Amino acid sequence: MEEEKSPWMCHVCDHFSTVGEGLVCSECYKITCHEHMTTATILDNESGLYVFKMICVECQFKKNLNQ
């Protein structure tokens, strides 16, 4: 049985591909390519600890502007 190749598109740069998979932002839950995804430390309000999350560059900029 052949594997289905689902197309995806980065919401930041509109890169379209059927090869591999896009990544999902932990903040906005949109699909993003590897180039526009970064690991950031985010404060978890429930535990009071910082956790590592994969977020897109748009969400990272929004967080930096709000601080």
C-alpha atoms as a PDB file:
ATOM      1  CA  MET A   1       0.000   0.000   0.000  1.00  0.00           C
ATOM      2  CA  GLU A   2       1.390   3.386  -0.999  1.00  0.00           C
ATOM      3  CA  GLU A   3       1.654   6.159   1.577  1.00  0.00           C
ATOM      4  CA  GLU A   4      -0.600   9.160   0.889  1.00  0.00           C
ATOM      5  CA  LYS A   5       1.239  12.468   0.462  1.00  0.00           C
ATOM      6  CA  SER A   6      -0.852  15.226   1.998  1.00  0.00           C
ATOM      7  CA  PRO A   7      -0.046  18.778   0.913  1.00  0.00           C
ATOM      8  CA  TRP A   8       0.663  21.435   3.525  1.00  0.00           C
ATOM      9  CA  MET A   9       1.467  25.158   3.421  1.00  0.00           C
ATOM     10  CA  CYS A  10       3.405  27.371   5.846  1.00  0.00           C
ATOM     11  CA  HIS A  11       1.216  30.204   7.162  1.00  0.00           C
ATOM     12  CA  VAL A  12       4.254  32.522   7.436  1.00  0.00           C
ATOM     13  CA  CYS A  13       5.911  32.234   3.999  1.00  0.00           C
ATOM     14  CA  ASP A  14       3.227  30.334   2.013  1.00  0.00           C
ATOM     15  CA  HIS A  15       5.744  27.560   1.202  1.00  0.00           C
ATOM     16  CA  PHE A  16       3.714  24.689  -0.289  1.00  0.00           C
ATOM     17  CA  SER A  17       4.920  21.078  -0.214  1.00  0.00           C
ATOM     18  CA  THR A  18       3.827  17.469  -0.364  1.00  0.00           C
ATOM     19  CA  VAL A  19       7.207  16.255   0.915  1.00  0.00           C
ATOM     20  CA  GLY A  20       7.556  15.692   4.642  1.00  0.00           C
ATOM     21  CA  GLU A  21       5.344  17.373   7.167  1.00  0.00           C
ATOM     22  CA  GLY A  22       4.865  20.897   8.431  1.00  0.00           C
ATOM     23  CA  LEU A  23       5.153  21.662  12.141  1.00  0.00           C
ATOM     24  CA  VAL A  24       2.301  22.877  14.331  1.00  0.00           C
ATOM     25  CA  CYS A  25       2.795  25.992  16.458  1.00  0.00           C
ATOM     26  CA  SER A  26       2.023  25.434  20.149  1.00  0.00           C
ATOM     27  CA  GLU A  27       0.430  28.894  20.424  1.00  0.00           C
ATOM     28  CA  CYS A  28      -1.658  29.491  17.280  1.00  0.00           C
ATOM     29  CA  TYR A  29      -1.899  25.836  16.115  1.00  0.00           C
ATOM     30  CA  LYS A  30      -1.139  26.775  12.505  1.00  0.00           C
ATOM     31  CA  ILE A  31       1.119  24.756  10.182  1.00  0.00           C
ATOM     32  CA  THR A  32       4.613  26.194   9.761  1.00  0.00           C
ATOM     33  CA  CYS A  33       7.734  25.136   7.845  1.00  0.00           C
ATOM     34  CA  HIS A  34      10.934  24.223   9.693  1.00  0.00           C
ATOM     35  CA  GLU A  35      12.538  27.585   8.837  1.00  0.00           C
ATOM     36  CA  HIS A  36       9.847  29.591  10.632  1.00  0.00           C
ATOM     37  CA  MET A  37       9.603  27.451  13.766  1.00  0.00           C
ATOM     38  CA  THR A  38      11.664  28.008  16.893  1.00  0.00           C
ATOM     39  CA  THR A  39      11.892  26.596  20.394  1.00  0.00           C
ATOM     40  CA  ALA A  40      11.028  29.097  23.109  1.00  0.00           C
ATOM     41  CA  THR A  41      10.661  29.033  26.867  1.00  0.00           C
ATOM     42  CA  ILE A  42       7.088  29.822  27.861  1.00  0.00           C
ATOM     43  CA  LEU A  43       5.835  30.368  31.417  1.00  0.00           C
ATOM     44  CA  ASP A  44       3.292  27.710  32.400  1.00  0.00           C
ATOM     45  CA  ASN A  45       0.801  29.547  34.599  1.00  0.00           C
ATOM     46  CA  GLU A  46      -0.412  26.351  36.305  1.00  0.00           C
ATOM     47  CA  SER A  47       2.992  25.114  37.481  1.00  0.00           C
ATOM     48  CA  GLY A  48       4.838  28.429  37.597  1.00  0.00           C
ATOM     49  CA  LEU A  49       7.704  26.838  35.646  1.00  0.00           C
ATOM     50  CA  TYR A  50       9.101  27.650  32.231  1.00  0.00           C
ATOM     51  CA  VAL A  51       8.586  24.943  29.594  1.00  0.00           C
ATOM     52  CA  PHE A  52      10.032  24.517  26.110  1.00  0.00           C
ATOM     53  CA  LYS A  53       7.499  24.888  23.296  1.00  0.00           C
ATOM     54  CA  MET A  54       7.738  24.992  19.527  1.00  0.00           C
ATOM     55  CA  ILE A  55       6.289  28.307  18.332  1.00  0.00           C
ATOM     56  CA  CYS A  56       6.263  30.066  14.977  1.00  0.00           C
ATOM     57  CA  VAL A  57       8.153  33.307  14.444  1.00  0.00           C
ATOM     58  CA  GLU A  58       4.905  35.316  14.314  1.00  0.00           C
ATOM     59  CA  CYS A  59       3.890  34.156  17.806  1.00  0.00           C
ATOM     60  CA  GLN A  60       7.434  34.737  19.058  1.00  0.00           C
ATOM     61  CA  PHE A  61       7.356  38.344  17.810  1.00  0.00           C
ATOM     62  CA  LYS A  62       3.917  38.907  19.346  1.00  0.00           C
ATOM     63  CA  LYS A  63       5.175  37.680  22.736  1.00  0.00           C
ATOM     64  CA  ASN A  64       8.281  39.910  22.516  1.00  0.00           C
ATOM     65  CA  LEU A  65       6.192  42.972  21.645  1.00  0.00           C
ATOM     66  CA  ASN A  66       3.814  42.393  24.573  1.00  0.00           C
ATOM     67  CA  GLN A  67       6.590  42.164  27.169  1.00  0.00           C
END
